[in-house]
Amino acid sequence: MKKNIGKTDRVVRLVFGLISLSAALFVTGLILKLILLFFGLFCLLEALVSRCALYAILGKNTCPIE
């Protein structure tokens, strides 16, 4: 798989993922907690693998090395 997420994108996704996971710890509603956990884990996964499926579909690439 080719990387399509650059450094700035990775950092933003990492921060959003950590914020979502942290927020999930303090939320009391089960549905909201699950949504925050899913979103947080998804953002962290994208940041770790430097790959975004939506970017691939749209043909977008923010990674300077192709």
PDB file of N, CA and C in Angstrom:
ATOM      1  N   MET A   1       0.838  -1.181   0.000  1.00  0.00           N
ATOM      2  CA  MET A   1       0.000   0.000   0.000  1.00  0.00           C
ATOM      3  C   MET A   1       0.880   1.240   0.000  1.00  0.00           C
ATOM      4  N   LYS A   2       0.536   2.179  -0.883  1.00  0.00           N
ATOM      5  CA  LYS A   2       1.267   3.433  -0.937  1.00  0.00           C
ATOM      6  C   LYS A   2       0.749   4.387   0.138  1.00  0.00           C
ATOM      7  N   LYS A   3       1.673   5.113   0.746  1.00  0.00           N
ATOM      8  CA  LYS A   3       1.286   6.114   1.733  1.00  0.00           C
ATOM      9  C   LYS A   3       0.659   7.294   1.008  1.00  0.00           C
ATOM     10  N   ASN A   4      -0.403   7.845   1.592  1.00  0.00           N
ATOM     11  CA  ASN A   4      -1.018   9.021   0.996  1.00  0.00           C
ATOM     12  C   ASN A   4      -1.341  10.101   2.034  1.00  0.00           C
ATOM     13  N   ILE A   5      -0.741   9.975   3.222  1.00  0.00           N
ATOM     14  CA  ILE A   5      -0.937  10.961   4.281  1.00  0.00           C
ATOM     15  C   ILE A   5       0.434  11.519   4.661  1.00  0.00           C
ATOM     16  N   GLY A   6       0.564  12.827   4.598  1.00  0.00           N
ATOM     17  CA  GLY A   6       1.807  13.492   4.956  1.00  0.00           C
ATOM     18  C   GLY A   6       1.948  13.673   6.462  1.00  0.00           C
ATOM     19  N   LYS A   7       3.055  14.268   6.866  1.00  0.00           N
ATOM     20  CA  LYS A   7       3.381  14.417   8.285  1.00  0.00           C
ATOM     21  C   LYS A   7       2.336  15.254   9.034  1.00  0.00           C
ATOM     22  N   THR A   8       1.932  16.384   8.459  1.00  0.00           N
ATOM     23  CA  THR A   8       0.949  17.243   9.131  1.00  0.00           C
ATOM     24  C   THR A   8      -0.373  16.515   9.308  1.00  0.00           C
ATOM     25  N   ASP A   9      -0.818  15.832   8.277  1.00  0.00           N
ATOM     26  CA  ASP A   9      -2.051  15.038   8.358  1.00  0.00           C
ATOM     27  C   ASP A   9      -1.949  13.967   9.437  1.00  0.00           C
ATOM     28  N   ARG A  10      -0.817  13.317   9.505  1.00  0.00           N
ATOM     29  CA  ARG A  10      -0.624  12.260  10.506  1.00  0.00           C
ATOM     30  C   ARG A  10      -0.721  12.820  11.917  1.00  0.00           C
ATOM     31  N   VAL A  11      -0.102  13.967  12.142  1.00  0.00           N
ATOM     32  CA  VAL A  11      -0.130  14.580  13.472  1.00  0.00           C
ATOM     33  C   VAL A  11      -1.548  14.985  13.847  1.00  0.00           C
ATOM     34  N   VAL A  12      -2.278  15.571  12.906  1.00  0.00           N
ATOM     35  CA  VAL A  12      -3.661  15.981  13.173  1.00  0.00           C
ATOM     36  C   VAL A  12      -4.519  14.760  13.509  1.00  0.00           C
ATOM     37  N   ARG A  13      -4.371  13.694  12.750  1.00  0.00           N
ATOM     38  CA  ARG A  13      -5.150  12.472  13.015  1.00  0.00           C
ATOM     39  C   ARG A  13      -4.765  11.842  14.349  1.00  0.00           C
ATOM     40  N   LEU A  14      -3.501  11.887  14.675  1.00  0.00           N
ATOM     41  CA  LEU A  14      -3.039  11.359  15.957  1.00  0.00           C
ATOM     42  C   LEU A  14      -3.643  12.148  17.111  1.00  0.00           C
ATOM     43  N   VAL A  15      -3.637  13.463  17.005  1.00  0.00           N
ATOM     44  CA  VAL A  15      -4.207  14.310  18.062  1.00  0.00           C
ATOM     45  C   VAL A  15      -5.710  14.071  18.186  1.00  0.00           C
ATOM     46  N   PHE A  16      -6.436  14.059  17.055  1.00  0.00           N
ATOM     47  CA  PHE A  16      -7.877  13.792  17.100  1.00  0.00           C
ATOM     48  C   PHE A  16      -8.164  12.414  17.696  1.00  0.00           C
ATOM     49  N   GLY A  17      -7.348  11.434  17.341  1.00  0.00           N
ATOM     50  CA  GLY A  17      -7.541  10.098  17.885  1.00  0.00           C
ATOM     51  C   GLY A  17      -7.355  10.054  19.391  1.00  0.00           C
ATOM     52  N   LEU A  18      -6.313  10.698  19.868  1.00  0.00           N
ATOM     53  CA  LEU A  18      -6.055  10.717  21.316  1.00  0.00           C
ATOM     54  C   LEU A  18      -7.126  11.499  22.069  1.00  0.00           C
ATOM     55  N   ILE A  19      -7.582  12.602  21.494  1.00  0.00           N
ATOM     56  CA  ILE A  19      -8.657  13.378  22.125  1.00  0.00           C
ATOM     57  C   ILE A  19      -9.941  12.565  22.183  1.00  0.00           C
ATOM     58  N   SER A  20     -10.262  11.868  21.104  1.00  0.00           N
ATOM     59  CA  SER A  20     -11.485  11.049  21.076  1.00  0.00           C
ATOM     60  C   SER A  20     -11.420   9.916  22.093  1.00  0.00           C
ATOM     61  N   LEU A  21     -10.277   9.261  22.163  1.00  0.00           N
ATOM     62  CA  LEU A  21     -10.138   8.173  23.139  1.00  0.00           C
ATOM     63  C   LEU A  21     -10.206   8.696  24.568  1.00  0.00           C
ATOM     64  N   SER A  22      -9.611   9.849  24.807  1.00  0.00           N
ATOM     65  CA  SER A  22      -9.670  10.450  26.142  1.00  0.00           C
ATOM     66  C   SER A  22     -11.097  10.849  26.491  1.00  0.00           C
ATOM     67  N   ALA A  23     -11.806  11.424  25.534  1.00  0.00           N
ATOM     68  CA  ALA A  23     -13.192  11.824  25.776  1.00  0.00           C
ATOM     69  C   ALA A  23     -14.067  10.605  26.057  1.00  0.00           C
ATOM     70  N   ALA A  24     -13.772   9.493  25.415  1.00  0.00           N
ATOM     71  CA  ALA A  24     -14.565   8.275  25.620  1.00  0.00           C
ATOM     72  C   ALA A  24     -14.463   7.778  27.062  1.00  0.00           C
ATOM     73  N   LEU A  25     -13.383   8.104  27.729  1.00  0.00           N
ATOM     74  CA  LEU A  25     -13.228   7.687  29.131  1.00  0.00           C
ATOM     75  C   LEU A  25     -14.187   8.416  30.060  1.00  0.00           C
ATOM     76  N   PHE A  26     -14.576   9.634  29.694  1.00  0.00           N
ATOM     77  CA  PHE A  26     -15.384  10.462  30.586  1.00  0.00           C
ATOM     78  C   PHE A  26     -16.856  10.540  30.204  1.00  0.00           C
ATOM     79  N   VAL A  27     -17.217   9.992  29.054  1.00  0.00           N
ATOM     80  CA  VAL A  27     -18.610  10.022  28.595  1.00  0.00           C
ATOM     81  C   VAL A  27     -19.372   8.879  29.254  1.00  0.00           C
ATOM     82  N   THR A  28     -20.622   9.161  29.629  1.00  0.00           N
ATOM     83  CA  THR A  28     -21.400   8.119  30.308  1.00  0.00           C
ATOM     84  C   THR A  28     -22.305   7.329  29.367  1.00  0.00           C
ATOM     85  N   GLY A  29     -22.732   7.906  28.261  1.00  0.00           N
ATOM     86  CA  GLY A  29     -23.630   7.208  27.335  1.00  0.00           C
ATOM     87  C   GLY A  29     -22.890   6.139  26.543  1.00  0.00           C
ATOM     88  N   LEU A  30     -23.455   4.949  26.471  1.00  0.00           N
ATOM     89  CA  LEU A  30     -22.801   3.822  25.806  1.00  0.00           C
ATOM     90  C   LEU A  30     -22.612   4.064  24.309  1.00  0.00           C
ATOM     91  N   ILE A  31     -23.640   4.553  23.629  1.00  0.00           N
ATOM     92  CA  ILE A  31     -23.545   4.771  22.182  1.00  0.00           C
ATOM     93  C   ILE A  31     -22.479   5.815  21.870  1.00  0.00           C
ATOM     94  N   LEU A  32     -22.489   6.927  22.586  1.00  0.00           N
ATOM     95  CA  LEU A  32     -21.498   7.978  22.359  1.00  0.00           C
ATOM     96  C   LEU A  32     -20.093   7.471  22.672  1.00  0.00           C
ATOM     97  N   LYS A  33     -19.966   6.679  23.719  1.00  0.00           N
ATOM     98  CA  LYS A  33     -18.668   6.106  24.086  1.00  0.00           C
ATOM     99  C   LYS A  33     -18.137   5.207  22.961  1.00  0.00           C
ATOM    100  N   LEU A  34     -19.008   4.384  22.392  1.00  0.00           N
ATOM    101  CA  LEU A  34     -18.603   3.501  21.301  1.00  0.00           C
ATOM    102  C   LEU A  34     -18.212   4.281  20.053  1.00  0.00           C
ATOM    103  N   ILE A  35     -18.959   5.333  19.757  1.00  0.00           N
ATOM    104  CA  ILE A  35     -18.634   6.175  18.598  1.00  0.00           C
ATOM    105  C   ILE A  35     -17.274   6.832  18.788  1.00  0.00           C
ATOM    106  N   LEU A  36     -17.032   7.388  19.964  1.00  0.00           N
ATOM    107  CA  LEU A  36     -15.741   8.028  20.239  1.00  0.00           C
ATOM    108  C   LEU A  36     -14.593   7.022  20.200  1.00  0.00           C
ATOM    109  N   LEU A  37     -14.809   5.829  20.727  1.00  0.00           N
ATOM    110  CA  LEU A  37     -13.777   4.790  20.684  1.00  0.00           C
ATOM    111  C   LEU A  37     -13.467   4.391  19.245  1.00  0.00           C
ATOM    112  N   PHE A  38     -14.504   4.176  18.446  1.00  0.00           N
ATOM    113  CA  PHE A  38     -14.306   3.799  17.054  1.00  0.00           C
ATOM    114  C   PHE A  38     -13.557   4.888  16.297  1.00  0.00           C
ATOM    115  N   PHE A  39     -14.025   6.135  16.426  1.00  0.00           N
ATOM    116  CA  PHE A  39     -13.391   7.260  15.739  1.00  0.00           C
ATOM    117  C   PHE A  39     -11.940   7.420  16.182  1.00  0.00           C
ATOM    118  N   GLY A  40     -11.695   7.320  17.481  1.00  0.00           N
ATOM    119  CA  GLY A  40     -10.340   7.464  18.002  1.00  0.00           C
ATOM    120  C   GLY A  40      -9.406   6.389  17.493  1.00  0.00           C
ATOM    121  N   LEU A  41      -9.842   5.149  17.527  1.00  0.00           N
ATOM    122  CA  LEU A  41      -9.009   4.044  17.053  1.00  0.00           C
ATOM    123  C   LEU A  41      -8.782   4.128  15.550  1.00  0.00           C
ATOM    124  N   PHE A  42      -9.804   4.539  14.808  1.00  0.00           N
ATOM    125  CA  PHE A  42      -9.684   4.687  13.360  1.00  0.00           C
ATOM    126  C   PHE A  42      -8.661   5.765  13.007  1.00  0.00           C
ATOM    127  N   CYS A  43      -8.727   6.894  13.695  1.00  0.00           N
ATOM    128  CA  CYS A  43      -7.766   7.979  13.453  1.00  0.00           C
ATOM    129  C   CYS A  43      -6.345   7.548  13.798  1.00  0.00           C
ATOM    130  N   LEU A  44      -6.185   6.841  14.906  1.00  0.00           N
ATOM    131  CA  LEU A  44      -4.850   6.357  15.284  1.00  0.00           C
ATOM    132  C   LEU A  44      -4.313   5.364  14.261  1.00  0.00           C
ATOM    133  N   LEU A  45      -5.157   4.479  13.772  1.00  0.00           N
ATOM    134  CA  LEU A  45      -4.734   3.510  12.768  1.00  0.00           C
ATOM    135  C   LEU A  45      -4.277   4.211  11.499  1.00  0.00           C
ATOM    136  N   GLU A  46      -5.052   5.187  11.042  1.00  0.00           N
ATOM    137  CA  GLU A  46      -4.667   5.935   9.848  1.00  0.00           C
ATOM    138  C   GLU A  46      -3.345   6.662  10.056  1.00  0.00           C
ATOM    139  N   ALA A  47      -3.156   7.230  11.222  1.00  0.00           N
ATOM    140  CA  ALA A  47      -1.905   7.941  11.504  1.00  0.00           C
ATOM    141  C   ALA A  47      -0.714   6.983  11.523  1.00  0.00           C
ATOM    142  N   LEU A  48      -0.915   5.795  12.043  1.00  0.00           N
ATOM    143  CA  LEU A  48       0.187   4.829  12.142  1.00  0.00           C
ATOM    144  C   LEU A  48       0.579   4.239  10.791  1.00  0.00           C
ATOM    145  N   VAL A  49      -0.400   3.991   9.923  1.00  0.00           N
ATOM    146  CA  VAL A  49      -0.091   3.364   8.637  1.00  0.00           C
ATOM    147  C   VAL A  49       0.080   4.374   7.505  1.00  0.00           C
ATOM    148  N   SER A  50      -0.170   5.653   7.780  1.00  0.00           N
ATOM    149  CA  SER A  50      -0.033   6.735   6.790  1.00  0.00           C
ATOM    150  C   SER A  50      -0.875   6.491   5.545  1.00  0.00           C
ATOM    151  N   ARG A  51      -2.046   5.970   5.737  1.00  0.00           N
ATOM    152  CA  ARG A  51      -2.915   5.622   4.602  1.00  0.00           C
ATOM    153  C   ARG A  51      -4.351   5.979   4.946  1.00  0.00           C
ATOM    154  N   CYS A  52      -5.024   6.660   4.024  1.00  0.00           N
ATOM    155  CA  CYS A  52      -6.428   7.019   4.194  1.00  0.00           C
ATOM    156  C   CYS A  52      -7.206   6.476   2.996  1.00  0.00           C
ATOM    157  N   ALA A  53      -8.214   5.671   3.264  1.00  0.00           N
ATOM    158  CA  ALA A  53      -9.008   5.072   2.196  1.00  0.00           C
ATOM    159  C   ALA A  53      -9.781   6.133   1.416  1.00  0.00           C
ATOM    160  N   LEU A  54     -10.311   7.125   2.106  1.00  0.00           N
ATOM    161  CA  LEU A  54     -11.050   8.185   1.422  1.00  0.00           C
ATOM    162  C   LEU A  54     -10.131   8.982   0.501  1.00  0.00           C
ATOM    163  N   TYR A  55      -8.916   9.275   0.955  1.00  0.00           N
ATOM    164  CA  TYR A  55      -7.946   9.957   0.098  1.00  0.00           C
ATOM    165  C   TYR A  55      -7.656   9.118  -1.147  1.00  0.00           C
ATOM    166  N   ALA A  56      -7.529   7.813  -0.979  1.00  0.00           N
ATOM    167  CA  ALA A  56      -7.254   6.931  -2.113  1.00  0.00           C
ATOM    168  C   ALA A  56      -8.399   6.965  -3.127  1.00  0.00           C
ATOM    169  N   ILE A  57      -9.631   6.960  -2.642  1.00  0.00           N
ATOM    170  CA  ILE A  57     -10.799   7.005  -3.529  1.00  0.00           C
ATOM    171  C   ILE A  57     -10.853   8.329  -4.283  1.00  0.00           C
ATOM    172  N   LEU A  58     -10.548   9.413  -3.575  1.00  0.00           N
ATOM    173  CA  LEU A  58     -10.611  10.741  -4.181  1.00  0.00           C
ATOM    174  C   LEU A  58      -9.365  11.104  -4.980  1.00  0.00           C
ATOM    175  N   GLY A  59      -8.317  10.286  -4.873  1.00  0.00           N
ATOM    176  CA  GLY A  59      -7.075  10.552  -5.589  1.00  0.00           C
ATOM    177  C   GLY A  59      -6.238  11.630  -4.933  1.00  0.00           C
ATOM    178  N   LYS A  60      -6.493  11.910  -3.677  1.00  0.00           N
ATOM    179  CA  LYS A  60      -5.750  12.946  -2.948  1.00  0.00           C
ATOM    180  C   LYS A  60      -4.522  12.331  -2.309  1.00  0.00           C
ATOM    181  N   ASN A  61      -3.452  13.112  -2.238  1.00  0.00           N
ATOM    182  CA  ASN A  61      -2.217  12.622  -1.638  1.00  0.00           C
ATOM    183  C   ASN A  61      -1.498  13.799  -1.000  1.00  0.00           C
ATOM    184  N   THR A  62      -1.263  13.735   0.317  1.00  0.00           N
ATOM    185  CA  THR A  62      -0.542  14.799   1.006  1.00  0.00           C
ATOM    186  C   THR A  62       0.862  14.357   1.409  1.00  0.00           C
ATOM    187  N   CYS A  63       1.222  13.157   1.009  1.00  0.00           N
ATOM    188  CA  CYS A  63       2.549  12.635   1.308  1.00  0.00           C
ATOM    189  C   CYS A  63       3.519  13.126   0.241  1.00  0.00           C
ATOM    190  N   PRO A  64       4.638  13.770   0.641  1.00  0.00           N
ATOM    191  CA  PRO A  64       5.571  14.291  -0.351  1.00  0.00           C
ATOM    192  C   PRO A  64       6.335  13.207  -1.116  1.00  0.00           C
ATOM    193  N   ILE A  65       6.439  12.010  -0.554  1.00  0.00           N
ATOM    194  CA  ILE A  65       7.165  10.910  -1.209  1.00  0.00           C
ATOM    195  C   ILE A  65       6.132   9.964  -1.815  1.00  0.00           C
ATOM    196  N   GLU A  66       6.171   9.793  -3.119  1.00  0.00           N
ATOM    197  CA  GLU A  66       5.197   8.907  -3.770  1.00  0.00           C
ATOM    198  C   GLU A  66       5.846   7.634  -4.201  1.00  0.00           C
TER     199      GLU A  66
END
